[in-house]
Amino acid sequence: MEGKNPYADYSDEQLIGEAKTVFTGQGAILAEVMRRLKDTIEEQNREAKLLGNRIWWLNLLLLLFTIGIFLLTVILAWPTIRGILG
């Protein structure tokens, strides 16, 4: 089992500064940067999925309204269509 990451409490700027000045421990710095990147990507994926679900429901609502408008148009135009056809 690995020990505690000494760079876990550093800010992003501190990590970059540390990586530029110290050549020892760069593996730990790189590991911390990669962990933060992975966490950020996972968070963005969750948010994108939530947004996708909202858009899906809005698309469904738009489809239902469009069908409703079509049906109302047919109902209102039916007497005219019936008069023309018959």
N, C-alpha and C. Protein backbone atom coordinates (compact mmCIF):
# COMPACT_ATOMS: atom_id res chain seq x y z
N MET A 1 0.84 -1.17 0.00
CA MET A 1 0.00 0.00 0.00
C MET A 1 0.89 1.24 0.00
N GLU A 2 0.51 2.23 -0.79
CA GLU A 2 1.30 3.44 -0.91
C GLU A 2 1.03 4.38 0.24
N GLY A 3 1.98 5.27 0.50
CA GLY A 3 1.81 6.27 1.55
C GLY A 3 0.93 7.41 1.09
N LYS A 4 0.71 8.35 1.99
CA LYS A 4 -0.13 9.50 1.68
C LYS A 4 0.57 10.38 0.64
N ASN A 5 -0.20 10.90 -0.27
CA ASN A 5 0.33 11.78 -1.31
C ASN A 5 0.67 13.13 -0.70
N PRO A 6 1.94 13.54 -0.72
CA PRO A 6 2.32 14.81 -0.09
C PRO A 6 1.81 16.03 -0.85
N TYR A 7 1.34 15.84 -2.07
CA TYR A 7 0.89 16.97 -2.89
C TYR A 7 -0.63 17.09 -2.98
N ALA A 8 -1.35 16.29 -2.23
CA ALA A 8 -2.81 16.29 -2.32
C ALA A 8 -3.42 17.62 -1.89
N ASP A 9 -2.78 18.33 -0.98
CA ASP A 9 -3.33 19.58 -0.47
C ASP A 9 -2.84 20.81 -1.24
N TYR A 10 -2.00 20.62 -2.24
CA TYR A 10 -1.48 21.75 -3.02
C TYR A 10 -2.53 22.26 -4.00
N SER A 11 -2.51 23.55 -4.27
CA SER A 11 -3.37 24.09 -5.31
C SER A 11 -2.74 23.76 -6.66
N ASP A 12 -3.50 23.98 -7.72
CA ASP A 12 -2.97 23.70 -9.06
C ASP A 12 -1.72 24.53 -9.34
N GLU A 13 -1.74 25.79 -8.94
CA GLU A 13 -0.59 26.66 -9.17
C GLU A 13 0.63 26.18 -8.38
N GLN A 14 0.40 25.74 -7.15
CA GLN A 14 1.51 25.24 -6.33
C GLN A 14 2.11 23.97 -6.95
N LEU A 15 1.25 23.10 -7.50
CA LEU A 15 1.75 21.89 -8.14
C LEU A 15 2.62 22.23 -9.34
N ILE A 16 2.17 23.18 -10.15
CA ILE A 16 2.94 23.58 -11.33
C ILE A 16 4.28 24.19 -10.90
N GLY A 17 4.24 25.06 -9.90
CA GLY A 17 5.48 25.66 -9.40
C GLY A 17 6.43 24.63 -8.84
N GLU A 18 5.89 23.67 -8.12
CA GLU A 18 6.72 22.60 -7.54
C GLU A 18 7.34 21.74 -8.65
N ALA A 19 6.57 21.46 -9.67
CA ALA A 19 7.08 20.64 -10.77
C ALA A 19 8.19 21.37 -11.51
N LYS A 20 8.12 22.70 -11.58
CA LYS A 20 9.14 23.46 -12.29
C LYS A 20 10.43 23.57 -11.49
N THR A 21 10.34 23.58 -10.17
CA THR A 21 11.52 23.83 -9.34
C THR A 21 12.17 22.57 -8.77
N VAL A 22 11.39 21.52 -8.59
CA VAL A 22 11.92 20.32 -7.93
C VAL A 22 11.83 19.15 -8.89
N PHE A 23 12.96 18.48 -9.09
CA PHE A 23 12.97 17.33 -9.99
C PHE A 23 12.66 16.03 -9.25
N THR A 24 12.78 16.02 -7.94
CA THR A 24 12.46 14.81 -7.19
C THR A 24 10.97 14.84 -6.87
N GLY A 25 10.35 13.71 -6.92
CA GLY A 25 8.93 13.62 -6.60
C GLY A 25 8.03 14.03 -7.73
N GLN A 26 8.57 14.13 -8.93
CA GLN A 26 7.72 14.53 -10.04
C GLN A 26 6.67 13.47 -10.35
N GLY A 27 6.97 12.23 -10.04
CA GLY A 27 5.97 11.17 -10.24
C GLY A 27 4.75 11.40 -9.39
N ALA A 28 4.95 11.81 -8.14
CA ALA A 28 3.81 12.09 -7.25
C ALA A 28 3.05 13.32 -7.74
N ILE A 29 3.77 14.32 -8.22
CA ILE A 29 3.11 15.51 -8.75
C ILE A 29 2.27 15.14 -9.97
N LEU A 30 2.87 14.35 -10.86
CA LEU A 30 2.15 13.92 -12.06
C LEU A 30 0.93 13.09 -11.69
N ALA A 31 1.06 12.21 -10.72
CA ALA A 31 -0.07 11.39 -10.28
C ALA A 31 -1.19 12.27 -9.74
N GLU A 32 -0.85 13.30 -8.98
CA GLU A 32 -1.87 14.20 -8.43
C GLU A 32 -2.55 14.99 -9.54
N VAL A 33 -1.79 15.46 -10.51
CA VAL A 33 -2.37 16.18 -11.64
C VAL A 33 -3.31 15.27 -12.42
N MET A 34 -2.91 14.05 -12.64
CA MET A 34 -3.76 13.10 -13.37
C MET A 34 -5.03 12.78 -12.59
N ARG A 35 -4.92 12.65 -11.27
CA ARG A 35 -6.11 12.38 -10.46
C ARG A 35 -7.09 13.53 -10.56
N ARG A 36 -6.57 14.75 -10.48
CA ARG A 36 -7.44 15.92 -10.57
C ARG A 36 -8.09 16.02 -11.95
N LEU A 37 -7.33 15.69 -12.97
CA LEU A 37 -7.88 15.71 -14.33
C LEU A 37 -8.98 14.68 -14.48
N LYS A 38 -8.75 13.48 -13.94
CA LYS A 38 -9.76 12.42 -14.00
C LYS A 38 -11.02 12.84 -13.26
N ASP A 39 -10.88 13.43 -12.07
CA ASP A 39 -12.03 13.88 -11.31
C ASP A 39 -12.82 14.95 -12.06
N THR A 40 -12.10 15.86 -12.71
CA THR A 40 -12.76 16.91 -13.47
C THR A 40 -13.53 16.34 -14.65
N ILE A 41 -12.93 15.39 -15.34
CA ILE A 41 -13.60 14.78 -16.49
C ILE A 41 -14.85 14.02 -16.04
N GLU A 42 -14.75 13.29 -14.93
CA GLU A 42 -15.92 12.56 -14.41
C GLU A 42 -17.04 13.52 -14.04
N GLU A 43 -16.70 14.64 -13.42
CA GLU A 43 -17.71 15.64 -13.06
C GLU A 43 -18.37 16.22 -14.30
N GLN A 44 -17.58 16.52 -15.31
CA GLN A 44 -18.13 17.06 -16.55
C GLN A 44 -19.02 16.05 -17.24
N ASN A 45 -18.67 14.77 -17.19
CA ASN A 45 -19.50 13.73 -17.79
C ASN A 45 -20.84 13.62 -17.07
N ARG A 46 -20.83 13.72 -15.74
CA ARG A 46 -22.10 13.69 -14.99
C ARG A 46 -22.98 14.86 -15.37
N GLU A 47 -22.39 16.06 -15.44
CA GLU A 47 -23.16 17.25 -15.80
C GLU A 47 -23.70 17.15 -17.23
N ALA A 48 -22.90 16.61 -18.14
CA ALA A 48 -23.35 16.45 -19.53
C ALA A 48 -24.51 15.47 -19.61
N LYS A 49 -24.45 14.42 -18.80
CA LYS A 49 -25.54 13.44 -18.81
C LYS A 49 -26.83 14.06 -18.28
N LEU A 50 -26.74 14.86 -17.22
CA LEU A 50 -27.92 15.55 -16.70
C LEU A 50 -28.50 16.50 -17.74
N LEU A 51 -27.64 17.24 -18.42
CA LEU A 51 -28.10 18.15 -19.46
C LEU A 51 -28.74 17.38 -20.60
N GLY A 52 -28.16 16.25 -20.97
CA GLY A 52 -28.73 15.41 -22.02
C GLY A 52 -30.11 14.92 -21.65
N ASN A 53 -30.32 14.55 -20.39
CA ASN A 53 -31.65 14.11 -19.95
C ASN A 53 -32.66 15.24 -20.03
N ARG A 54 -32.25 16.45 -19.65
CA ARG A 54 -33.16 17.60 -19.75
C ARG A 54 -33.53 17.88 -21.20
N ILE A 55 -32.55 17.81 -22.08
CA ILE A 55 -32.82 18.06 -23.49
C ILE A 55 -33.75 17.00 -24.06
N TRP A 56 -33.59 15.75 -23.64
CA TRP A 56 -34.46 14.68 -24.11
C TRP A 56 -35.91 14.96 -23.74
N TRP A 57 -36.14 15.39 -22.50
CA TRP A 57 -37.51 15.69 -22.08
C TRP A 57 -38.07 16.90 -22.83
N LEU A 58 -37.24 17.90 -23.08
CA LEU A 58 -37.71 19.05 -23.87
C LEU A 58 -38.05 18.64 -25.30
N ASN A 59 -37.27 17.74 -25.88
CA ASN A 59 -37.58 17.24 -27.22
C ASN A 59 -38.90 16.48 -27.24
N LEU A 60 -39.13 15.67 -26.22
CA LEU A 60 -40.39 14.94 -26.12
C LEU A 60 -41.57 15.90 -26.01
N LEU A 61 -41.42 16.91 -25.18
CA LEU A 61 -42.48 17.91 -25.02
C LEU A 61 -42.75 18.63 -26.34
N LEU A 62 -41.70 19.00 -27.05
CA LEU A 62 -41.85 19.65 -28.34
C LEU A 62 -42.56 18.74 -29.34
N LEU A 63 -42.23 17.46 -29.34
CA LEU A 63 -42.89 16.51 -30.22
C LEU A 63 -44.38 16.42 -29.91
N LEU A 64 -44.73 16.35 -28.62
CA LEU A 64 -46.14 16.26 -28.23
C LEU A 64 -46.91 17.52 -28.63
N PHE A 65 -46.31 18.70 -28.44
CA PHE A 65 -46.97 19.93 -28.85
C PHE A 65 -47.14 19.98 -30.37
N THR A 66 -46.16 19.51 -31.10
CA THR A 66 -46.26 19.49 -32.57
C THR A 66 -47.38 18.57 -33.03
N ILE A 67 -47.49 17.41 -32.43
CA ILE A 67 -48.58 16.48 -32.77
C ILE A 67 -49.92 17.10 -32.42
N GLY A 68 -49.98 17.76 -31.26
CA GLY A 68 -51.23 18.42 -30.85
C GLY A 68 -51.63 19.52 -31.84
N ILE A 69 -50.68 20.33 -32.27
CA ILE A 69 -50.98 21.38 -33.24
C ILE A 69 -51.45 20.77 -34.56
N PHE A 70 -50.81 19.68 -34.99
CA PHE A 70 -51.22 19.01 -36.22
C PHE A 70 -52.66 18.50 -36.10
N LEU A 71 -52.98 17.86 -34.99
CA LEU A 71 -54.34 17.33 -34.80
C LEU A 71 -55.37 18.46 -34.77
N LEU A 72 -55.07 19.55 -34.09
CA LEU A 72 -56.01 20.68 -34.06
C LEU A 72 -56.20 21.28 -35.46
N THR A 73 -55.13 21.34 -36.24
CA THR A 73 -55.22 21.84 -37.60
C THR A 73 -56.12 20.94 -38.45
N VAL A 74 -55.96 19.63 -38.32
CA VAL A 74 -56.79 18.69 -39.07
C VAL A 74 -58.26 18.84 -38.65
N ILE A 75 -58.51 18.96 -37.35
CA ILE A 75 -59.89 19.10 -36.86
C ILE A 75 -60.52 20.37 -37.40
N LEU A 76 -59.78 21.48 -37.39
CA LEU A 76 -60.33 22.75 -37.88
C LEU A 76 -60.48 22.76 -39.40
N ALA A 77 -59.63 22.07 -40.11
CA ALA A 77 -59.70 22.07 -41.57
C ALA A 77 -60.60 20.97 -42.12
N TRP A 78 -61.03 20.05 -41.28
CA TRP A 78 -61.82 18.91 -41.75
C TRP A 78 -63.11 19.31 -42.47
N PRO A 79 -63.88 20.26 -41.95
CA PRO A 79 -65.11 20.63 -42.70
C PRO A 79 -64.80 21.14 -44.11
N THR A 80 -63.74 21.90 -44.25
CA THR A 80 -63.36 22.40 -45.58
C THR A 80 -62.91 21.28 -46.48
N ILE A 81 -62.10 20.36 -45.94
CA ILE A 81 -61.63 19.21 -46.73
C ILE A 81 -62.80 18.34 -47.15
N ARG A 82 -63.73 18.12 -46.23
CA ARG A 82 -64.89 17.29 -46.51
C ARG A 82 -65.76 17.93 -47.60
N GLY A 83 -65.89 19.27 -47.55
CA GLY A 83 -66.67 19.98 -48.57
C GLY A 83 -66.03 19.89 -49.93
N ILE A 84 -64.71 19.93 -49.99
CA ILE A 84 -64.01 19.85 -51.27
C ILE A 84 -64.11 18.44 -51.85
N LEU A 85 -63.98 17.44 -51.01
CA LEU A 85 -63.98 16.06 -51.47
C LEU A 85 -65.37 15.53 -51.78
N GLY A 86 -66.35 16.07 -51.13
CA GLY A 86 -67.60 15.38 -51.31
C GLY A 86 -68.77 16.20 -51.44
